[in-house]
All heavy atoms as atom14 arrays in JSON, in Angstrom:
{
  "sequence": "AVEDLPALITPDHGVLKRPSNEDLAEELGLFEAPEDGAVYDVVVLGAG",
  "atom14_mask": [
    [1, 1, 1, 1, 1, 0, 0, 0, 0, 0, 0, 0, 0, 0],
    [1, 1, 1, 1, 1, 1, 1, 0, 0, 0, 0, 0, 0, 0],
    [1, 1, 1, 1, 1, 1, 1, 1, 1, 0, 0, 0, 0, 0],
    [1, 1, 1, 1, 1, 1, 1, 1, 0, 0, 0, 0, 0, 0],
    [1, 1, 1, 1, 1, 1, 1, 1, 0, 0, 0, 0, 0, 0],
    [1, 1, 1, 1, 1, 1, 1, 0, 0, 0, 0, 0, 0, 0],
    [1, 1, 1, 1, 1, 0, 0, 0, 0, 0, 0, 0, 0, 0],
    [1, 1, 1, 1, 1, 1, 1, 1, 0, 0, 0, 0, 0, 0],
    [1, 1, 1, 1, 1, 1, 1, 1, 0, 0, 0, 0, 0, 0],
    [1, 1, 1, 1, 1, 1, 1, 0, 0, 0, 0, 0, 0, 0],
    [1, 1, 1, 1, 1, 1, 1, 0, 0, 0, 0, 0, 0, 0],
    [1, 1, 1, 1, 1, 1, 1, 1, 0, 0, 0, 0, 0, 0],
    [1, 1, 1, 1, 1, 1, 1, 1, 1, 1, 0, 0, 0, 0],
    [1, 1, 1, 1, 0, 0, 0, 0, 0, 0, 0, 0, 0, 0],
    [1, 1, 1, 1, 1, 1, 1, 0, 0, 0, 0, 0, 0, 0],
    [1, 1, 1, 1, 1, 1, 1, 1, 0, 0, 0, 0, 0, 0],
    [1, 1, 1, 1, 1, 1, 1, 1, 1, 0, 0, 0, 0, 0],
    [1, 1, 1, 1, 1, 1, 1, 1, 1, 1, 1, 0, 0, 0],
    [1, 1, 1, 1, 1, 1, 1, 0, 0, 0, 0, 0, 0, 0],
    [1, 1, 1, 1, 1, 1, 0, 0, 0, 0, 0, 0, 0, 0],
    [1, 1, 1, 1, 1, 1, 1, 1, 0, 0, 0, 0, 0, 0],
    [1, 1, 1, 1, 1, 1, 1, 1, 1, 0, 0, 0, 0, 0],
    [1, 1, 1, 1, 1, 1, 1, 1, 0, 0, 0, 0, 0, 0],
    [1, 1, 1, 1, 1, 1, 1, 1, 0, 0, 0, 0, 0, 0],
    [1, 1, 1, 1, 1, 0, 0, 0, 0, 0, 0, 0, 0, 0],
    [1, 1, 1, 1, 1, 1, 1, 1, 1, 0, 0, 0, 0, 0],
    [1, 1, 1, 1, 1, 1, 1, 1, 1, 0, 0, 0, 0, 0],
    [1, 1, 1, 1, 1, 1, 1, 1, 0, 0, 0, 0, 0, 0],
    [1, 1, 1, 1, 0, 0, 0, 0, 0, 0, 0, 0, 0, 0],
    [1, 1, 1, 1, 1, 1, 1, 1, 0, 0, 0, 0, 0, 0],
    [1, 1, 1, 1, 1, 1, 1, 1, 1, 1, 1, 0, 0, 0],
    [1, 1, 1, 1, 1, 1, 1, 1, 1, 0, 0, 0, 0, 0],
    [1, 1, 1, 1, 1, 0, 0, 0, 0, 0, 0, 0, 0, 0],
    [1, 1, 1, 1, 1, 1, 1, 0, 0, 0, 0, 0, 0, 0],
    [1, 1, 1, 1, 1, 1, 1, 1, 1, 0, 0, 0, 0, 0],
    [1, 1, 1, 1, 1, 1, 1, 1, 0, 0, 0, 0, 0, 0],
    [1, 1, 1, 1, 0, 0, 0, 0, 0, 0, 0, 0, 0, 0],
    [1, 1, 1, 1, 1, 0, 0, 0, 0, 0, 0, 0, 0, 0],
    [1, 1, 1, 1, 1, 1, 1, 0, 0, 0, 0, 0, 0, 0],
    [1, 1, 1, 1, 1, 1, 1, 1, 1, 1, 1, 1, 0, 0],
    [1, 1, 1, 1, 1, 1, 1, 1, 0, 0, 0, 0, 0, 0],
    [1, 1, 1, 1, 1, 1, 1, 0, 0, 0, 0, 0, 0, 0],
    [1, 1, 1, 1, 1, 1, 1, 0, 0, 0, 0, 0, 0, 0],
    [1, 1, 1, 1, 1, 1, 1, 0, 0, 0, 0, 0, 0, 0],
    [1, 1, 1, 1, 1, 1, 1, 1, 0, 0, 0, 0, 0, 0],
    [1, 1, 1, 1, 0, 0, 0, 0, 0, 0, 0, 0, 0, 0],
    [1, 1, 1, 1, 1, 0, 0, 0, 0, 0, 0, 0, 0, 0],
    [1, 1, 1, 1, 0, 0, 0, 0, 0, 0, 0, 0, 0, 0]
  ],
  "atom14_positions": [
    [[132.42, 126.65, 119.2], [133.31, 126.46, 120.29], [133.23, 124.94, 120.57], [132.37, 124.22, 120.14], [132.87, 127.25, 121.51], [0.0, 0.0, 0.0], [0.0, 0.0, 0.0], [0.0, 0.0, 0.0], [0.0, 0.0, 0.0], [0.0, 0.0, 0.0], [0.0, 0.0, 0.0], [0.0, 0.0, 0.0], [0.0, 0.0, 0.0], [0.0, 0.0, 0.0]],
    [[134.16, 124.43, 121.37], [134.27, 122.96, 121.66], [132.98, 122.52, 122.29], [132.54, 121.48, 122.15], [135.53, 122.61, 122.53], [135.54, 121.22, 123.01], [136.81, 122.94, 121.73], [0.0, 0.0, 0.0], [0.0, 0.0, 0.0], [0.0, 0.0, 0.0], [0.0, 0.0, 0.0], [0.0, 0.0, 0.0], [0.0, 0.0, 0.0], [0.0, 0.0, 0.0]],
    [[132.48, 123.37, 123.25], [131.22, 123.02, 123.91], [129.98, 122.93, 123.0], [128.99, 122.39, 123.47], [130.99, 123.94, 125.07], [130.9, 125.39, 124.75], [132.21, 126.08, 124.84], [133.26, 125.4, 124.74], [132.16, 127.34, 125.0], [0.0, 0.0, 0.0], [0.0, 0.0, 0.0], [0.0, 0.0, 0.0], [0.0, 0.0, 0.0], [0.0, 0.0, 0.0]],
    [[130.1, 123.46, 121.85], [128.96, 123.39, 120.87], [128.92, 122.02, 120.12], [127.96, 121.77, 119.37], [129.09, 124.51, 119.79], [129.01, 125.91, 120.37], [128.26, 125.97, 121.34], [129.66, 126.74, 119.85], [0.0, 0.0, 0.0], [0.0, 0.0, 0.0], [0.0, 0.0, 0.0], [0.0, 0.0, 0.0], [0.0, 0.0, 0.0], [0.0, 0.0, 0.0]],
    [[130.0, 121.2, 120.28], [130.09, 119.97, 119.55], [129.44, 118.78, 120.21], [129.35, 118.82, 121.46], [131.58, 119.71, 119.28], [132.4, 120.85, 118.63], [133.85, 120.38, 118.47], [131.8, 121.18, 117.27], [0.0, 0.0, 0.0], [0.0, 0.0, 0.0], [0.0, 0.0, 0.0], [0.0, 0.0, 0.0], [0.0, 0.0, 0.0], [0.0, 0.0, 0.0]],
    [[128.95, 117.82, 119.43], [129.01, 117.76, 117.93], [128.05, 118.76, 117.33], [127.01, 119.07, 117.86], [128.67, 116.27, 117.64], [127.83, 115.89, 118.83], [128.37, 116.63, 119.95], [0.0, 0.0, 0.0], [0.0, 0.0, 0.0], [0.0, 0.0, 0.0], [0.0, 0.0, 0.0], [0.0, 0.0, 0.0], [0.0, 0.0, 0.0], [0.0, 0.0, 0.0]],
    [[128.45, 119.22, 116.15], [127.53, 120.12, 115.41], [127.48, 119.75, 113.91], [128.4, 119.19, 113.34], [128.18, 121.64, 115.48], [0.0, 0.0, 0.0], [0.0, 0.0, 0.0], [0.0, 0.0, 0.0], [0.0, 0.0, 0.0], [0.0, 0.0, 0.0], [0.0, 0.0, 0.0], [0.0, 0.0, 0.0], [0.0, 0.0, 0.0], [0.0, 0.0, 0.0]],
    [[126.34, 120.0, 113.38], [126.13, 119.69, 111.99], [126.07, 120.97, 111.17], [125.23, 121.83, 111.49], [124.81, 118.84, 111.7], [124.51, 118.43, 110.27], [125.51, 117.4, 109.81], [123.07, 118.1, 110.07], [0.0, 0.0, 0.0], [0.0, 0.0, 0.0], [0.0, 0.0, 0.0], [0.0, 0.0, 0.0], [0.0, 0.0, 0.0], [0.0, 0.0, 0.0]],
    [[126.85, 121.07, 110.09], [126.86, 122.32, 109.27], [126.12, 121.94, 108.01], [126.47, 120.9, 107.27], [128.32, 122.75, 108.94], [129.05, 123.02, 110.22], [128.28, 123.99, 108.11], [130.55, 123.18, 110.0], [0.0, 0.0, 0.0], [0.0, 0.0, 0.0], [0.0, 0.0, 0.0], [0.0, 0.0, 0.0], [0.0, 0.0, 0.0], [0.0, 0.0, 0.0]],
    [[125.0, 122.54, 107.71], [124.14, 122.22, 106.56], [124.66, 122.87, 105.36], [125.43, 123.84, 105.36], [122.71, 122.6, 106.91], [122.69, 124.09, 106.9], [122.16, 122.07, 108.15], [0.0, 0.0, 0.0], [0.0, 0.0, 0.0], [0.0, 0.0, 0.0], [0.0, 0.0, 0.0], [0.0, 0.0, 0.0], [0.0, 0.0, 0.0], [0.0, 0.0, 0.0]],
    [[124.22, 122.35, 104.14], [124.68, 122.9, 102.9], [124.38, 124.48, 102.77], [125.05, 125.12, 101.96], [123.89, 122.11, 101.84], [123.69, 120.85, 102.49], [123.41, 121.16, 103.91], [0.0, 0.0, 0.0], [0.0, 0.0, 0.0], [0.0, 0.0, 0.0], [0.0, 0.0, 0.0], [0.0, 0.0, 0.0], [0.0, 0.0, 0.0], [0.0, 0.0, 0.0]],
    [[123.39, 125.0, 103.43], [123.05, 126.43, 103.29], [123.72, 127.18, 104.36], [123.39, 128.32, 104.74], [121.59, 126.63, 103.29], [120.9, 126.12, 104.56], [121.55, 125.59, 105.48], [119.63, 126.23, 104.69], [0.0, 0.0, 0.0], [0.0, 0.0, 0.0], [0.0, 0.0, 0.0], [0.0, 0.0, 0.0], [0.0, 0.0, 0.0], [0.0, 0.0, 0.0]],
    [[124.75, 126.58, 105.1], [125.57, 127.18, 106.12], [124.83, 127.34, 107.4], [125.31, 128.13, 108.3], [126.07, 128.56, 105.65], [127.0, 128.42, 104.43], [127.31, 129.49, 103.64], [127.7, 127.4, 103.87], [128.04, 129.12, 102.63], [128.35, 127.88, 102.79], [0.0, 0.0, 0.0], [0.0, 0.0, 0.0], [0.0, 0.0, 0.0], [0.0, 0.0, 0.0]],
    [[123.76, 126.66, 107.6], [123.13, 126.59, 108.92], [123.94, 125.76, 109.84], [124.76, 124.83, 109.46], [0.0, 0.0, 0.0], [0.0, 0.0, 0.0], [0.0, 0.0, 0.0], [0.0, 0.0, 0.0], [0.0, 0.0, 0.0], [0.0, 0.0, 0.0], [0.0, 0.0, 0.0], [0.0, 0.0, 0.0], [0.0, 0.0, 0.0], [0.0, 0.0, 0.0]],
    [[123.87, 126.01, 111.14], [124.63, 125.23, 112.09], [123.66, 124.71, 113.18], [122.94, 125.56, 113.85], [125.72, 126.08, 112.77], [126.46, 125.33, 113.9], [126.69, 126.64, 111.79], [0.0, 0.0, 0.0], [0.0, 0.0, 0.0], [0.0, 0.0, 0.0], [0.0, 0.0, 0.0], [0.0, 0.0, 0.0], [0.0, 0.0, 0.0], [0.0, 0.0, 0.0]],
    [[123.7, 123.39, 113.42], [122.89, 122.77, 114.43], [123.82, 122.25, 115.5], [124.6, 121.33, 115.29], [122.01, 121.56, 113.86], [121.16, 121.88, 112.71], [120.54, 120.59, 112.22], [120.11, 122.92, 113.06], [0.0, 0.0, 0.0], [0.0, 0.0, 0.0], [0.0, 0.0, 0.0], [0.0, 0.0, 0.0], [0.0, 0.0, 0.0], [0.0, 0.0, 0.0]],
    [[123.77, 122.85, 116.71], [124.69, 122.53, 117.82], [124.08, 121.46, 118.69], [123.03, 121.69, 119.23], [125.05, 123.76, 118.5], [125.7, 124.91, 117.74], [125.85, 126.12, 118.52], [126.37, 127.27, 117.71], [126.55, 128.54, 118.44], [0.0, 0.0, 0.0], [0.0, 0.0, 0.0], [0.0, 0.0, 0.0], [0.0, 0.0, 0.0], [0.0, 0.0, 0.0]],
    [[124.79, 120.4, 118.78], [124.31, 119.24, 119.66], [122.81, 118.96, 119.43], [122.01, 118.93, 120.42], [124.61, 119.61, 121.06], [126.11, 119.87, 121.38], [126.43, 120.01, 122.84], [126.27, 118.77, 123.54], [126.49, 118.62, 124.85], [126.76, 119.7, 125.6], [126.33, 117.38, 125.42], [0.0, 0.0, 0.0], [0.0, 0.0, 0.0], [0.0, 0.0, 0.0]],
    [[122.43, 118.71, 118.24], [121.0, 118.59, 117.92], [120.39, 117.25, 118.37], [121.16, 116.21, 118.42], [121.04, 118.65, 116.33], [122.32, 118.09, 115.97], [123.26, 118.55, 116.9], [0.0, 0.0, 0.0], [0.0, 0.0, 0.0], [0.0, 0.0, 0.0], [0.0, 0.0, 0.0], [0.0, 0.0, 0.0], [0.0, 0.0, 0.0], [0.0, 0.0, 0.0]],
    [[119.15, 117.31, 118.68], [118.42, 116.08, 118.98], [117.94, 115.5, 117.68], [118.02, 116.1, 116.61], [117.23, 116.4, 119.81], [116.28, 117.16, 119.15], [0.0, 0.0, 0.0], [0.0, 0.0, 0.0], [0.0, 0.0, 0.0], [0.0, 0.0, 0.0], [0.0, 0.0, 0.0], [0.0, 0.0, 0.0], [0.0, 0.0, 0.0], [0.0, 0.0, 0.0]],
    [[117.42, 114.26, 117.71], [116.87, 113.63, 116.46], [115.74, 114.44, 115.93], [115.59, 114.65, 114.73], [116.39, 112.23, 116.77], [117.56, 111.27, 116.96], [118.75, 111.57, 116.69], [117.25, 110.06, 117.34], [0.0, 0.0, 0.0], [0.0, 0.0, 0.0], [0.0, 0.0, 0.0], [0.0, 0.0, 0.0], [0.0, 0.0, 0.0], [0.0, 0.0, 0.0]],
    [[114.89, 115.06, 116.82], [113.78, 115.89, 116.36], [114.31, 117.13, 115.66], [113.8, 117.59, 114.64], [112.79, 116.23, 117.57], [112.0, 115.1, 118.02], [110.84, 115.56, 118.95], [110.67, 116.84, 118.98], [110.18, 114.67, 119.53], [0.0, 0.0, 0.0], [0.0, 0.0, 0.0], [0.0, 0.0, 0.0], [0.0, 0.0, 0.0], [0.0, 0.0, 0.0]],
    [[115.4, 117.74, 116.18], [115.91, 118.87, 115.64], [116.44, 118.59, 114.2], [116.24, 119.34, 113.24], [117.09, 119.46, 116.43], [116.7, 119.93, 117.83], [115.54, 120.36, 117.87], [117.5, 120.02, 118.68], [0.0, 0.0, 0.0], [0.0, 0.0, 0.0], [0.0, 0.0, 0.0], [0.0, 0.0, 0.0], [0.0, 0.0, 0.0], [0.0, 0.0, 0.0]],
    [[117.16, 117.51, 114.09], [117.68, 117.08, 112.78], [116.6, 116.81, 111.8], [116.71, 117.29, 110.62], [118.54, 115.78, 113.01], [119.82, 115.82, 113.83], [120.34, 114.56, 114.17], [120.98, 116.7, 112.96], [0.0, 0.0, 0.0], [0.0, 0.0, 0.0], [0.0, 0.0, 0.0], [0.0, 0.0, 0.0], [0.0, 0.0, 0.0], [0.0, 0.0, 0.0]],
    [[115.64, 116.11, 112.25], [114.49, 115.74, 111.3], [113.76, 117.08, 110.81], [113.37, 117.17, 109.64], [113.51, 114.78, 111.9], [0.0, 0.0, 0.0], [0.0, 0.0, 0.0], [0.0, 0.0, 0.0], [0.0, 0.0, 0.0], [0.0, 0.0, 0.0], [0.0, 0.0, 0.0], [0.0, 0.0, 0.0], [0.0, 0.0, 0.0], [0.0, 0.0, 0.0]],
    [[113.58, 117.96, 111.73], [112.86, 119.2, 111.35], [113.83, 120.1, 110.4], [113.34, 120.57, 109.35], [112.57, 120.0, 112.62], [111.49, 119.46, 113.47], [110.07, 119.78, 113.03], [109.95, 120.45, 111.93], [109.15, 119.37, 113.7], [0.0, 0.0, 0.0], [0.0, 0.0, 0.0], [0.0, 0.0, 0.0], [0.0, 0.0, 0.0], [0.0, 0.0, 0.0]],
    [[115.02, 120.33, 110.76], [115.81, 121.22, 110.06], [116.3, 120.69, 108.68], [116.58, 121.41, 107.75], [117.15, 121.57, 110.88], [116.75, 122.36, 112.12], [116.25, 123.68, 111.82], [116.57, 124.32, 110.79], [115.32, 124.12, 112.6], [0.0, 0.0, 0.0], [0.0, 0.0, 0.0], [0.0, 0.0, 0.0], [0.0, 0.0, 0.0], [0.0, 0.0, 0.0]],
    [[116.42, 119.34, 108.58], [116.93, 118.7, 107.33], [115.78, 118.27, 106.38], [116.01, 117.77, 105.36], [117.79, 117.55, 107.67], [119.05, 117.88, 108.47], [119.8, 116.58, 108.78], [119.9, 118.92, 107.77], [0.0, 0.0, 0.0], [0.0, 0.0, 0.0], [0.0, 0.0, 0.0], [0.0, 0.0, 0.0], [0.0, 0.0, 0.0], [0.0, 0.0, 0.0]],
    [[114.58, 118.51, 106.87], [113.38, 118.21, 106.05], [113.04, 116.67, 106.01], [112.4, 116.21, 105.1], [0.0, 0.0, 0.0], [0.0, 0.0, 0.0], [0.0, 0.0, 0.0], [0.0, 0.0, 0.0], [0.0, 0.0, 0.0], [0.0, 0.0, 0.0], [0.0, 0.0, 0.0], [0.0, 0.0, 0.0], [0.0, 0.0, 0.0], [0.0, 0.0, 0.0]],
    [[113.48, 116.0, 107.03], [113.3, 114.5, 107.11], [111.84, 114.26, 107.71], [111.33, 113.14, 107.6], [114.3, 113.82, 107.98], [115.72, 113.95, 107.5], [116.69, 113.26, 108.5], [115.93, 113.26, 106.11], [0.0, 0.0, 0.0], [0.0, 0.0, 0.0], [0.0, 0.0, 0.0], [0.0, 0.0, 0.0], [0.0, 0.0, 0.0], [0.0, 0.0, 0.0]],
    [[111.29, 115.21, 108.4], [110.11, 114.9, 109.22], [108.87, 115.33, 108.3], [108.8, 116.42, 107.7], [110.07, 115.81, 110.42], [108.81, 115.78, 111.22], [108.37, 114.62, 111.76], [108.0, 116.89, 111.36], [107.14, 114.53, 112.51], [106.77, 116.86, 112.07], [106.38, 115.67, 112.62], [0.0, 0.0, 0.0], [0.0, 0.0, 0.0], [0.0, 0.0, 0.0]],
    [[107.93, 114.42, 108.24], [106.66, 114.68, 107.54], [105.52, 114.6, 108.64], [105.23, 113.58, 109.23], [106.45, 113.56, 106.51], [107.35, 113.59, 105.35], [106.96, 112.53, 104.32], [106.03, 112.8, 103.5], [107.55, 111.41, 104.24], [0.0, 0.0, 0.0], [0.0, 0.0, 0.0], [0.0, 0.0, 0.0], [0.0, 0.0, 0.0], [0.0, 0.0, 0.0]],
    [[104.95, 115.77, 108.88], [103.99, 115.86, 109.96], [102.7, 115.13, 109.5], [102.34, 115.07, 108.34], [103.7, 117.27, 110.24], [0.0, 0.0, 0.0], [0.0, 0.0, 0.0], [0.0, 0.0, 0.0], [0.0, 0.0, 0.0], [0.0, 0.0, 0.0], [0.0, 0.0, 0.0], [0.0, 0.0, 0.0], [0.0, 0.0, 0.0], [0.0, 0.0, 0.0]],
    [[101.91, 114.59, 110.47], [100.63, 114.05, 110.14], [99.76, 115.22, 109.62], [99.95, 116.4, 109.88], [100.05, 113.58, 111.49], [101.31, 113.39, 112.35], [102.26, 114.43, 111.83], [0.0, 0.0, 0.0], [0.0, 0.0, 0.0], [0.0, 0.0, 0.0], [0.0, 0.0, 0.0], [0.0, 0.0, 0.0], [0.0, 0.0, 0.0], [0.0, 0.0, 0.0]],
    [[98.82, 114.88, 108.67], [97.97, 115.86, 108.17], [97.03, 116.44, 109.27], [96.46, 115.76, 110.09], [97.02, 115.26, 107.12], [97.76, 114.78, 105.89], [96.78, 114.16, 104.9], [95.66, 114.67, 104.84], [97.17, 113.11, 104.25], [0.0, 0.0, 0.0], [0.0, 0.0, 0.0], [0.0, 0.0, 0.0], [0.0, 0.0, 0.0], [0.0, 0.0, 0.0]],
    [[96.89, 117.76, 109.27], [96.09, 118.49, 110.3], [94.66, 118.07, 110.15], [94.1, 118.11, 109.04], [96.28, 120.0, 110.14], [97.64, 120.52, 110.54], [98.25, 119.78, 111.36], [98.0, 121.61, 110.06], [0.0, 0.0, 0.0], [0.0, 0.0, 0.0], [0.0, 0.0, 0.0], [0.0, 0.0, 0.0], [0.0, 0.0, 0.0], [0.0, 0.0, 0.0]],
    [[94.02, 117.67, 111.24], [92.66, 117.38, 111.28], [92.22, 116.06, 110.66], [91.05, 115.72, 110.55], [0.0, 0.0, 0.0], [0.0, 0.0, 0.0], [0.0, 0.0, 0.0], [0.0, 0.0, 0.0], [0.0, 0.0, 0.0], [0.0, 0.0, 0.0], [0.0, 0.0, 0.0], [0.0, 0.0, 0.0], [0.0, 0.0, 0.0], [0.0, 0.0, 0.0]],
    [[93.19, 115.29, 110.13], [92.85, 114.1, 109.45], [92.47, 112.93, 110.4], [93.0, 112.91, 111.56], [94.1, 113.6, 108.61], [0.0, 0.0, 0.0], [0.0, 0.0, 0.0], [0.0, 0.0, 0.0], [0.0, 0.0, 0.0], [0.0, 0.0, 0.0], [0.0, 0.0, 0.0], [0.0, 0.0, 0.0], [0.0, 0.0, 0.0], [0.0, 0.0, 0.0]],
    [[91.57, 112.05, 109.93], [91.27, 110.87, 110.67], [91.79, 109.71, 109.86], [91.25, 109.48, 108.77], [89.83, 110.65, 110.97], [89.55, 109.33, 111.63], [89.26, 111.88, 111.85], [0.0, 0.0, 0.0], [0.0, 0.0, 0.0], [0.0, 0.0, 0.0], [0.0, 0.0, 0.0], [0.0, 0.0, 0.0], [0.0, 0.0, 0.0], [0.0, 0.0, 0.0]],
    [[92.79, 109.07, 110.27], [93.36, 107.95, 109.48], [92.55, 106.7, 109.63], [91.95, 106.44, 110.67], [94.85, 107.71, 109.94], [95.81, 108.88, 109.45], [96.01, 109.89, 110.32], [96.43, 108.76, 108.24], [96.87, 110.92, 109.86], [97.3, 109.78, 107.86], [97.46, 110.87, 108.69], [98.32, 111.89, 108.18], [0.0, 0.0, 0.0], [0.0, 0.0, 0.0]],
    [[92.64, 105.86, 108.6], [92.01, 104.52, 108.78], [92.86, 103.64, 109.69], [92.29, 102.9, 110.47], [91.96, 103.84, 107.36], [90.99, 104.49, 106.39], [89.91, 104.92, 106.87], [91.29, 104.63, 105.22], [0.0, 0.0, 0.0], [0.0, 0.0, 0.0], [0.0, 0.0, 0.0], [0.0, 0.0, 0.0], [0.0, 0.0, 0.0], [0.0, 0.0, 0.0]],
    [[94.17, 103.78, 109.56], [95.04, 103.03, 110.49], [96.39, 103.82, 110.75], [96.87, 104.41, 109.81], [95.33, 101.66, 109.87], [96.07, 101.73, 108.49], [96.22, 100.77, 110.84], [0.0, 0.0, 0.0], [0.0, 0.0, 0.0], [0.0, 0.0, 0.0], [0.0, 0.0, 0.0], [0.0, 0.0, 0.0], [0.0, 0.0, 0.0], [0.0, 0.0, 0.0]],
    [[96.74, 103.84, 111.95], [98.07, 104.38, 112.31], [98.89, 103.21, 112.75], [98.52, 102.43, 113.67], [97.92, 105.48, 113.41], [99.32, 105.84, 113.92], [97.23, 106.63, 112.86], [0.0, 0.0, 0.0], [0.0, 0.0, 0.0], [0.0, 0.0, 0.0], [0.0, 0.0, 0.0], [0.0, 0.0, 0.0], [0.0, 0.0, 0.0], [0.0, 0.0, 0.0]],
    [[100.06, 103.06, 112.19], [101.04, 101.94, 112.49], [102.09, 102.57, 113.4], [102.69, 103.53, 113.03], [101.6, 101.36, 111.26], [102.6, 100.21, 111.68], [100.57, 100.8, 110.35], [0.0, 0.0, 0.0], [0.0, 0.0, 0.0], [0.0, 0.0, 0.0], [0.0, 0.0, 0.0], [0.0, 0.0, 0.0], [0.0, 0.0, 0.0], [0.0, 0.0, 0.0]],
    [[102.26, 102.08, 114.57], [103.19, 102.57, 115.56], [104.42, 101.74, 115.58], [104.48, 100.63, 116.07], [102.62, 102.63, 116.95], [101.34, 103.44, 117.03], [100.67, 103.33, 118.41], [101.5, 104.91, 116.66], [0.0, 0.0, 0.0], [0.0, 0.0, 0.0], [0.0, 0.0, 0.0], [0.0, 0.0, 0.0], [0.0, 0.0, 0.0], [0.0, 0.0, 0.0]],
    [[105.52, 102.23, 114.83], [106.71, 101.52, 114.64], [106.95, 101.11, 113.25], [106.05, 100.57, 112.52], [0.0, 0.0, 0.0], [0.0, 0.0, 0.0], [0.0, 0.0, 0.0], [0.0, 0.0, 0.0], [0.0, 0.0, 0.0], [0.0, 0.0, 0.0], [0.0, 0.0, 0.0], [0.0, 0.0, 0.0], [0.0, 0.0, 0.0], [0.0, 0.0, 0.0]],
    [[108.22, 101.31, 112.69], [108.56, 101.01, 111.35], [109.59, 99.94, 111.18], [110.53, 100.07, 110.41], [108.97, 102.33, 110.61], [0.0, 0.0, 0.0], [0.0, 0.0, 0.0], [0.0, 0.0, 0.0], [0.0, 0.0, 0.0], [0.0, 0.0, 0.0], [0.0, 0.0, 0.0], [0.0, 0.0, 0.0], [0.0, 0.0, 0.0], [0.0, 0.0, 0.0]],
    [[109.44, 99.01, 112.1], [110.27, 97.77, 111.83], [109.73, 96.88, 110.78], [108.79, 97.3, 110.08], [0.0, 0.0, 0.0], [0.0, 0.0, 0.0], [0.0, 0.0, 0.0], [0.0, 0.0, 0.0], [0.0, 0.0, 0.0], [0.0, 0.0, 0.0], [0.0, 0.0, 0.0], [0.0, 0.0, 0.0], [0.0, 0.0, 0.0], [0.0, 0.0, 0.0]]
  ]
}
């Protein structure tokens, strides 16, 4: 419906209605979660 827009239709016919960036990253496989329980040597905040 018009109120569902903008919407992203994925190649496997999934539909993301008015998605947030987090929704997009999760559903499209763009998000790589931190390793569970890991202690990093350095965490860099910002990718400029």
